N, C-alpha and C. Protein backbone atom coordinates (compact mmCIF):
# COMPACT_ATOMS: atom_id res chain seq x y z
N MET A 1 94.42 159.03 -27.24
CA MET A 1 94.28 159.08 -25.80
C MET A 1 93.66 160.42 -25.37
N PHE A 2 94.37 161.53 -25.56
CA PHE A 2 93.86 162.85 -25.21
C PHE A 2 93.72 163.69 -26.47
N ASP A 3 92.66 164.46 -26.53
CA ASP A 3 92.59 165.50 -27.56
C ASP A 3 93.47 166.65 -27.10
N PHE A 4 93.77 167.56 -28.01
CA PHE A 4 94.64 168.69 -27.67
C PHE A 4 93.99 169.56 -26.59
N ASP A 5 92.66 169.77 -26.66
CA ASP A 5 91.96 170.57 -25.66
C ASP A 5 92.04 169.93 -24.28
N GLN A 6 91.89 168.62 -24.24
CA GLN A 6 91.98 167.92 -22.96
C GLN A 6 93.40 168.01 -22.40
N TYR A 7 94.38 167.94 -23.28
CA TYR A 7 95.77 168.06 -22.85
C TYR A 7 96.04 169.44 -22.25
N LEU A 8 95.54 170.49 -22.91
CA LEU A 8 95.70 171.85 -22.37
C LEU A 8 94.97 172.01 -21.04
N GLY A 9 93.79 171.43 -20.93
CA GLY A 9 93.05 171.48 -19.67
C GLY A 9 93.80 170.78 -18.55
N PHE A 10 94.38 169.63 -18.88
CA PHE A 10 95.15 168.89 -17.89
C PHE A 10 96.38 169.68 -17.45
N LEU A 11 97.07 170.33 -18.40
CA LEU A 11 98.22 171.16 -18.05
C LEU A 11 97.81 172.36 -17.20
N ALA A 12 96.67 172.97 -17.53
CA ALA A 12 96.17 174.09 -16.72
C ALA A 12 95.84 173.62 -15.31
N PHE A 13 95.22 172.44 -15.19
CA PHE A 13 94.90 171.88 -13.87
C PHE A 13 96.18 171.64 -13.06
N LEU A 14 97.18 171.04 -13.68
CA LEU A 14 98.43 170.78 -12.97
C LEU A 14 99.12 172.08 -12.55
N THR A 15 99.06 173.09 -13.42
CA THR A 15 99.68 174.38 -13.10
C THR A 15 99.00 175.02 -11.90
N ILE A 16 97.67 175.05 -11.92
CA ILE A 16 96.93 175.65 -10.81
C ILE A 16 97.16 174.87 -9.52
N LEU A 17 97.18 173.55 -9.61
CA LEU A 17 97.43 172.71 -8.43
C LEU A 17 98.82 172.98 -7.86
N THR A 18 99.82 173.08 -8.72
CA THR A 18 101.19 173.33 -8.28
C THR A 18 101.33 174.71 -7.64
N ILE A 19 100.72 175.72 -8.28
CA ILE A 19 100.77 177.07 -7.71
C ILE A 19 100.10 177.09 -6.35
N GLY A 20 98.96 176.44 -6.21
CA GLY A 20 98.27 176.37 -4.93
C GLY A 20 99.10 175.67 -3.86
N PHE A 21 99.77 174.60 -4.25
CA PHE A 21 100.60 173.87 -3.29
C PHE A 21 101.74 174.75 -2.77
N TRP A 22 102.45 175.43 -3.68
CA TRP A 22 103.58 176.25 -3.24
C TRP A 22 103.11 177.48 -2.47
N LEU A 23 101.94 178.02 -2.81
CA LEU A 23 101.38 179.13 -2.05
C LEU A 23 101.06 178.67 -0.63
N MET A 24 100.50 177.48 -0.49
CA MET A 24 100.20 176.95 0.83
C MET A 24 101.49 176.76 1.64
N ILE A 25 102.52 176.21 1.03
CA ILE A 25 103.80 176.02 1.72
C ILE A 25 104.37 177.37 2.15
N PHE A 26 104.30 178.38 1.28
CA PHE A 26 104.81 179.71 1.61
C PHE A 26 104.05 180.30 2.79
N LEU A 27 102.73 180.23 2.76
CA LEU A 27 101.93 180.82 3.84
C LEU A 27 102.13 180.08 5.16
N VAL A 28 102.23 178.77 5.10
CA VAL A 28 102.43 177.99 6.33
C VAL A 28 103.78 178.31 6.96
N SER A 29 104.77 178.64 6.14
CA SER A 29 106.10 178.94 6.70
C SER A 29 106.25 180.42 7.04
N PHE A 30 105.54 181.31 6.37
CA PHE A 30 105.75 182.74 6.54
C PHE A 30 104.90 183.33 7.66
N ILE A 31 103.66 182.89 7.79
CA ILE A 31 102.76 183.49 8.78
C ILE A 31 103.24 183.26 10.22
N PRO A 32 103.66 182.05 10.62
CA PRO A 32 104.19 181.91 11.99
C PRO A 32 105.42 182.77 12.25
N TYR A 33 106.28 182.94 11.24
CA TYR A 33 107.45 183.80 11.37
C TYR A 33 107.03 185.24 11.60
N TRP A 34 106.03 185.68 10.88
CA TRP A 34 105.52 187.05 10.98
C TRP A 34 104.89 187.28 12.35
N ILE A 35 104.07 186.34 12.81
CA ILE A 35 103.41 186.47 14.11
C ILE A 35 104.45 186.44 15.23
N GLY A 36 105.42 185.54 15.13
CA GLY A 36 106.46 185.45 16.15
C GLY A 36 107.29 186.71 16.23
N GLY A 37 107.64 187.29 15.09
CA GLY A 37 108.40 188.54 15.09
C GLY A 37 107.61 189.68 15.69
N THR A 38 106.32 189.74 15.41
CA THR A 38 105.47 190.79 15.98
C THR A 38 105.38 190.64 17.49
N LEU A 39 105.20 189.43 17.96
CA LEU A 39 105.11 189.21 19.41
C LEU A 39 106.43 189.57 20.10
N LEU A 40 107.54 189.19 19.51
CA LEU A 40 108.84 189.50 20.08
C LEU A 40 109.08 191.01 20.11
N GLU A 41 108.70 191.70 19.05
CA GLU A 41 108.87 193.15 19.00
C GLU A 41 108.00 193.83 20.06
N ASN A 42 106.77 193.39 20.22
CA ASN A 42 105.89 193.96 21.25
C ASN A 42 106.45 193.71 22.65
N PHE A 43 107.00 192.51 22.86
CA PHE A 43 107.59 192.20 24.16
C PHE A 43 108.77 193.13 24.46
N LYS A 44 109.61 193.37 23.45
CA LYS A 44 110.75 194.27 23.65
C LYS A 44 110.30 195.70 23.93
N LEU A 45 109.27 196.16 23.23
CA LEU A 45 108.77 197.51 23.45
C LEU A 45 108.20 197.66 24.86
N LYS A 46 107.46 196.66 25.33
CA LYS A 46 106.90 196.72 26.68
C LYS A 46 108.01 196.69 27.73
N ARG A 47 109.04 195.89 27.48
CA ARG A 47 110.15 195.80 28.41
C ARG A 47 110.90 197.14 28.48
N GLU A 48 111.09 197.79 27.32
CA GLU A 48 111.74 199.10 27.31
C GLU A 48 110.90 200.15 28.01
N ALA A 49 109.56 200.07 27.86
CA ALA A 49 108.68 201.03 28.52
C ALA A 49 108.75 200.87 30.04
N LYS A 50 108.79 199.63 30.50
CA LYS A 50 108.91 199.40 31.95
C LYS A 50 110.25 199.90 32.47
N LYS A 51 111.31 199.67 31.70
CA LYS A 51 112.64 200.12 32.10
C LYS A 51 112.70 201.64 32.17
N ALA A 52 112.10 202.33 31.19
CA ALA A 52 112.08 203.78 31.18
C ALA A 52 111.22 204.31 32.33
N GLU A 53 110.17 203.59 32.68
CA GLU A 53 109.29 204.02 33.78
C GLU A 53 110.02 203.92 35.12
N ARG A 54 110.83 202.88 35.27
CA ARG A 54 111.58 202.73 36.52
C ARG A 54 112.64 203.81 36.69
N GLU A 55 113.27 204.18 35.57
CA GLU A 55 114.34 205.18 35.62
C GLU A 55 113.80 206.59 35.85
N ALA A 56 112.58 206.85 35.41
CA ALA A 56 112.03 208.22 35.52
C ALA A 56 111.38 208.46 36.87
């Protein structure tokens, strides 16, 4: 059915495909979290700056 070289090629293909799939899942879940945290932090900093401006 398969020669040994073809078998190794098939395993390499499956490995690369699997790594790519999990990398895509990681990026799809991590990037929105990162952007949301950055936006929330900027919002808090601006709110603190306005509060400090009112008090001064």
